[in-house]
Amino acid sequence: MKKLIRTTITVPEDIYKQTKVKASLVQESFSAYVTEALYEKINQIIDEPLKKRVDPKKTLGVFSLGIKKIPSRKKLYETHLQRKLGR
């Protein structure tokens, strides 16, 4: 037997009432009805074809910020000081 977990969820009142009615129509408990619906949703997601994922390494160098060559740290600092000191 599978281990059962007790949890609390928040759903709109109309959905709760509709689910209670449908569960009683098929003569199932509310818990069993919701569990079955969750299994169906999970299996639906699993059966959907996965979208093709792009390898992040393939996008390297594709986007440009307009910087041709990154200056050295020393040069960046010198430029920063010149701007700060107003030279």
Foldseek 3Di string as FASTA:
>chain_A
DDDDDDDDDDDDPVVVVVLCVVCVVVPHHSVVSVVVVVVVVVVVVVPDDDDDDDDPVVCPPVDDPPDDDDDDPVVVVVVVVCVVVVD
